[in-house]
Amino acid sequence: MKKDSRYLLVDMSVLPEVFPRVVEAKRLIAGGKVKSVNEAVRQAGISRSAFYKYKDSVQQFFENSVGKVITLFIVVEDFPGILARIIHEVAAANGNILTINQNIPINGLADVTIAIETESMSHSLEEMVEAILLIDGVRRQEILARE
């Protein structure tokens, strides 16, 4: 990747089909589900040349989060135990919570900011984020920062 590279966060639904397929091929290789690049590109439905052209420039948002500090912003309903459930999901993924900040609830909703170190995580960041979103009372969640 060039030193003067600039990044955009783009919804996959608007990208040409080759980009998600490159990500899929990389996932197959990283997960050990295939034995070669040839097998990965065949399963993903792209050419080797397309894979090699884009492999270093295309990645999932969560892919390079290991060993980083992630700051999550979560809007939750105000009832007992909801923060404990969120902390439980982070702990289940082996995330290391560095800080937690919960604001006073207004109109039944509270903002929670959690900084998590991801180096020791046994689950992907994406899996943990999805598990948190499934908690009853979590209204919204977004990643504020990645270091």
C-alpha atoms as a PDB file:
ATOM      1  CA  MET A   1       0.000   0.000   0.000  1.00  0.00           C
ATOM      2  CA  LYS A   2       1.349   3.431  -0.886  1.00  0.00           C
ATOM      3  CA  LYS A   3       2.368   5.816   1.881  1.00  0.00           C
ATOM      4  CA  ASP A   4       0.051   8.498   0.515  1.00  0.00           C
ATOM      5  CA  SER A   5      -2.968   6.175   0.661  1.00  0.00           C
ATOM      6  CA  ARG A   6      -6.303   7.598   1.739  1.00  0.00           C
ATOM      7  CA  TYR A   7      -9.169   5.532   3.090  1.00  0.00           C
ATOM      8  CA  LEU A   8     -12.916   5.623   2.739  1.00  0.00           C
ATOM      9  CA  LEU A   9     -15.531   3.711   4.679  1.00  0.00           C
ATOM     10  CA  VAL A  10     -17.993   2.505   2.030  1.00  0.00           C
ATOM     11  CA  ASP A  11     -21.097   0.310   2.295  1.00  0.00           C
ATOM     12  CA  MET A  12     -20.361  -2.956   0.461  1.00  0.00           C
ATOM     13  CA  SER A  13     -23.700  -2.833  -1.333  1.00  0.00           C
ATOM     14  CA  VAL A  14     -22.481  -0.003  -3.578  1.00  0.00           C
ATOM     15  CA  LEU A  15     -19.126  -1.570  -4.467  1.00  0.00           C
ATOM     16  CA  PRO A  16     -18.370  -3.619  -7.578  1.00  0.00           C
ATOM     17  CA  GLU A  17     -18.828  -7.335  -6.842  1.00  0.00           C
ATOM     18  CA  VAL A  18     -15.091  -8.039  -7.112  1.00  0.00           C
ATOM     19  CA  PHE A  19     -14.312  -6.325  -3.779  1.00  0.00           C
ATOM     20  CA  PRO A  20     -16.532  -8.476  -1.534  1.00  0.00           C
ATOM     21  CA  ARG A  21     -15.258 -11.535  -3.407  1.00  0.00           C
ATOM     22  CA  VAL A  22     -11.648 -10.572  -2.679  1.00  0.00           C
ATOM     23  CA  VAL A  23     -12.579 -10.244   0.995  1.00  0.00           C
ATOM     24  CA  GLU A  24     -14.233 -13.674   0.842  1.00  0.00           C
ATOM     25  CA  ALA A  25     -11.126 -15.229  -0.726  1.00  0.00           C
ATOM     26  CA  LYS A  26      -8.941 -13.672   1.977  1.00  0.00           C
ATOM     27  CA  ARG A  27     -11.311 -15.011   4.659  1.00  0.00           C
ATOM     28  CA  LEU A  28     -11.109 -18.531   3.188  1.00  0.00           C
ATOM     29  CA  ILE A  29      -7.309 -18.396   3.174  1.00  0.00           C
ATOM     30  CA  ALA A  30      -6.989 -16.899   6.674  1.00  0.00           C
ATOM     31  CA  GLY A  31      -9.452 -19.405   8.111  1.00  0.00           C
ATOM     32  CA  GLY A  32      -7.567 -22.348   6.650  1.00  0.00           C
ATOM     33  CA  LYS A  33     -10.672 -23.469   4.749  1.00  0.00           C
ATOM     34  CA  VAL A  34      -8.683 -23.757   1.521  1.00  0.00           C
ATOM     35  CA  LYS A  35      -5.191 -25.002   0.781  1.00  0.00           C
ATOM     36  CA  SER A  36      -4.224 -22.536  -1.920  1.00  0.00           C
ATOM     37  CA  VAL A  37      -4.976 -19.165  -3.449  1.00  0.00           C
ATOM     38  CA  ASN A  38      -6.231 -20.991  -6.543  1.00  0.00           C
ATOM     39  CA  GLU A  39      -8.843 -22.811  -4.479  1.00  0.00           C
ATOM     40  CA  ALA A  40      -9.859 -19.611  -2.651  1.00  0.00           C
ATOM     41  CA  VAL A  41     -10.382 -17.570  -5.830  1.00  0.00           C
ATOM     42  CA  ARG A  42     -12.278 -20.422  -7.450  1.00  0.00           C
ATOM     43  CA  GLN A  43     -14.664 -20.630  -4.475  1.00  0.00           C
ATOM     44  CA  ALA A  44     -15.003 -16.831  -4.324  1.00  0.00           C
ATOM     45  CA  GLY A  45     -15.663 -16.620  -8.053  1.00  0.00           C
ATOM     46  CA  ILE A  46     -12.851 -14.269  -9.065  1.00  0.00           C
ATOM     47  CA  SER A  47      -9.652 -14.509 -11.073  1.00  0.00           C
ATOM     48  CA  ARG A  48      -6.193 -14.798  -9.522  1.00  0.00           C
ATOM     49  CA  SER A  49      -5.221 -11.522 -11.151  1.00  0.00           C
ATOM     50  CA  ALA A  50      -8.186  -9.702  -9.552  1.00  0.00           C
ATOM     51  CA  PHE A  51      -7.273 -11.207  -6.184  1.00  0.00           C
ATOM     52  CA  TYR A  52      -3.636 -10.140  -6.396  1.00  0.00           C
ATOM     53  CA  LYS A  53      -4.578  -6.710  -7.745  1.00  0.00           C
ATOM     54  CA  TYR A  54      -6.831  -5.876  -4.786  1.00  0.00           C
ATOM     55  CA  LYS A  55      -5.782  -8.155  -1.895  1.00  0.00           C
ATOM     56  CA  ASP A  56      -3.647  -5.532  -0.148  1.00  0.00           C
ATOM     57  CA  SER A  57      -6.107  -2.696  -0.715  1.00  0.00           C
ATOM     58  CA  VAL A  58      -9.431  -4.307   0.247  1.00  0.00           C
ATOM     59  CA  GLN A  59     -10.276  -5.576   3.693  1.00  0.00           C
ATOM     60  CA  GLN A  60     -13.229  -5.874   5.985  1.00  0.00           C
ATOM     61  CA  PHE A  61     -13.628  -3.087   8.506  1.00  0.00           C
ATOM     62  CA  PHE A  62     -13.057  -5.480  11.421  1.00  0.00           C
ATOM     63  CA  GLU A  63     -10.176  -7.365   9.829  1.00  0.00           C
ATOM     64  CA  ASN A  64      -7.344  -5.206  11.123  1.00  0.00           C
ATOM     65  CA  SER A  65      -8.715  -4.676  14.633  1.00  0.00           C
ATOM     66  CA  VAL A  66      -6.702  -7.340  16.460  1.00  0.00           C
ATOM     67  CA  GLY A  67      -4.222  -5.838  18.908  1.00  0.00           C
ATOM     68  CA  LYS A  68      -5.926  -2.475  18.728  1.00  0.00           C
ATOM     69  CA  VAL A  69      -7.987  -0.343  21.067  1.00  0.00           C
ATOM     70  CA  ILE A  70     -11.577  -0.016  19.937  1.00  0.00           C
ATOM     71  CA  THR A  71     -13.951   2.574  21.385  1.00  0.00           C
ATOM     72  CA  LEU A  72     -17.615   1.571  21.226  1.00  0.00           C
ATOM     73  CA  PHE A  73     -20.487   4.014  21.663  1.00  0.00           C
ATOM     74  CA  ILE A  74     -23.699   2.303  22.740  1.00  0.00           C
ATOM     75  CA  VAL A  75     -27.149   3.748  23.431  1.00  0.00           C
ATOM     76  CA  VAL A  76     -29.020   1.636  25.978  1.00  0.00           C
ATOM     77  CA  GLU A  77     -32.386   1.652  27.682  1.00  0.00           C
ATOM     78  CA  ASP A  78     -32.254   2.474  31.381  1.00  0.00           C
ATOM     79  CA  PHE A  79     -32.925  -0.702  33.332  1.00  0.00           C
ATOM     80  CA  PRO A  80     -30.903  -2.740  35.834  1.00  0.00           C
ATOM     81  CA  GLY A  81     -28.370  -5.200  34.464  1.00  0.00           C
ATOM     82  CA  ILE A  82     -27.993  -3.957  30.893  1.00  0.00           C
ATOM     83  CA  LEU A  83     -24.422  -2.749  31.387  1.00  0.00           C
ATOM     84  CA  ALA A  84     -23.561  -6.076  33.055  1.00  0.00           C
ATOM     85  CA  ARG A  85     -24.861  -7.925  29.974  1.00  0.00           C
ATOM     86  CA  ILE A  86     -22.691  -5.777  27.695  1.00  0.00           C
ATOM     87  CA  ILE A  87     -19.643  -6.378  29.886  1.00  0.00           C
ATOM     88  CA  HIS A  88     -20.432 -10.106  29.831  1.00  0.00           C
ATOM     89  CA  GLU A  89     -20.337 -10.130  25.998  1.00  0.00           C
ATOM     90  CA  VAL A  90     -16.982  -8.318  25.979  1.00  0.00           C
ATOM     91  CA  ALA A  91     -15.639 -10.794  28.556  1.00  0.00           C
ATOM     92  CA  ALA A  92     -17.002 -13.756  26.574  1.00  0.00           C
ATOM     93  CA  ALA A  93     -14.917 -12.554  23.611  1.00  0.00           C
ATOM     94  CA  ASN A  94     -11.864 -12.098  25.898  1.00  0.00           C
ATOM     95  CA  GLY A  95     -11.835  -8.361  25.246  1.00  0.00           C
ATOM     96  CA  ASN A  96      -9.902  -6.305  27.788  1.00  0.00           C
ATOM     97  CA  ILE A  97     -12.024  -3.365  28.965  1.00  0.00           C
ATOM     98  CA  LEU A  98      -9.842  -0.323  29.506  1.00  0.00           C
ATOM     99  CA  THR A  99     -12.520   2.265  30.357  1.00  0.00           C
ATOM    100  CA  ILE A 100     -16.279   2.481  30.732  1.00  0.00           C
ATOM    101  CA  ASN A 101     -18.226   5.718  30.828  1.00  0.00           C
ATOM    102  CA  GLN A 102     -21.996   5.762  31.260  1.00  0.00           C
ATOM    103  CA  ASN A 103     -23.883   9.028  31.175  1.00  0.00           C
ATOM    104  CA  ILE A 104     -26.952   9.760  33.286  1.00  0.00           C
ATOM    105  CA  PRO A 105     -30.086   8.479  31.530  1.00  0.00           C
ATOM    106  CA  ILE A 106     -32.264  11.065  29.800  1.00  0.00           C
ATOM    107  CA  ASN A 107     -35.763  10.079  28.679  1.00  0.00           C
ATOM    108  CA  GLY A 108     -35.027   6.450  29.521  1.00  0.00           C
ATOM    109  CA  LEU A 109     -31.848   6.186  27.414  1.00  0.00           C
ATOM    110  CA  ALA A 110     -28.194   6.321  28.451  1.00  0.00           C
ATOM    111  CA  ASP A 111     -25.025   6.663  26.403  1.00  0.00           C
ATOM    112  CA  VAL A 112     -22.228   4.213  27.202  1.00  0.00           C
ATOM    113  CA  THR A 113     -18.681   4.474  25.888  1.00  0.00           C
ATOM    114  CA  ILE A 114     -16.369   1.487  26.292  1.00  0.00           C
ATOM    115  CA  ALA A 115     -12.701   1.292  25.271  1.00  0.00           C
ATOM    116  CA  ILE A 116     -11.641  -2.297  24.601  1.00  0.00           C
ATOM    117  CA  GLU A 117      -8.190  -3.701  23.902  1.00  0.00           C
ATOM    118  CA  THR A 118      -8.629  -6.484  21.347  1.00  0.00           C
ATOM    119  CA  GLU A 119      -5.268  -8.281  21.376  1.00  0.00           C
ATOM    120  CA  SER A 120      -6.412 -11.304  23.396  1.00  0.00           C
ATOM    121  CA  MET A 121      -9.860 -11.641  21.872  1.00  0.00           C
ATOM    122  CA  SER A 122     -10.954 -15.172  21.066  1.00  0.00           C
ATOM    123  CA  HIS A 123     -13.896 -13.991  18.932  1.00  0.00           C
ATOM    124  CA  SER A 124     -13.763 -11.515  16.090  1.00  0.00           C
ATOM    125  CA  LEU A 125     -14.681  -7.931  16.851  1.00  0.00           C
ATOM    126  CA  GLU A 126     -17.571  -8.282  14.424  1.00  0.00           C
ATOM    127  CA  GLU A 127     -18.978 -11.253  16.372  1.00  0.00           C
ATOM    128  CA  MET A 128     -18.720  -9.366  19.652  1.00  0.00           C
ATOM    129  CA  VAL A 129     -20.391  -6.259  18.220  1.00  0.00           C
ATOM    130  CA  GLU A 130     -23.225  -8.373  16.802  1.00  0.00           C
ATOM    131  CA  ALA A 131     -23.694 -10.114  20.174  1.00  0.00           C
ATOM    132  CA  ILE A 132     -23.938  -6.747  21.933  1.00  0.00           C
ATOM    133  CA  LEU A 133     -26.528  -5.546  19.429  1.00  0.00           C
ATOM    134  CA  LEU A 134     -28.666  -8.596  20.221  1.00  0.00           C
ATOM    135  CA  ILE A 135     -28.900  -7.657  23.917  1.00  0.00           C
ATOM    136  CA  ASP A 136     -32.418  -6.592  24.845  1.00  0.00           C
ATOM    137  CA  GLY A 137     -32.337  -2.856  25.521  1.00  0.00           C
ATOM    138  CA  VAL A 138     -29.374  -1.981  23.282  1.00  0.00           C
ATOM    139  CA  ARG A 139     -30.815   0.586  20.905  1.00  0.00           C
ATOM    140  CA  ARG A 140     -27.780   1.582  18.877  1.00  0.00           C
ATOM    141  CA  GLN A 141     -24.075   0.907  18.671  1.00  0.00           C
ATOM    142  CA  GLU A 142     -21.194   2.291  16.665  1.00  0.00           C
ATOM    143  CA  ILE A 143     -17.428   2.179  16.667  1.00  0.00           C
ATOM    144  CA  LEU A 144     -16.181   5.659  17.532  1.00  0.00           C
ATOM    145  CA  ALA A 145     -12.487   5.011  17.151  1.00  0.00           C
ATOM    146  CA  ARG A 146      -9.850   2.417  16.376  1.00  0.00           C
ATOM    147  CA  GLU A 147      -6.210   2.858  17.341  1.00  0.00           C
END
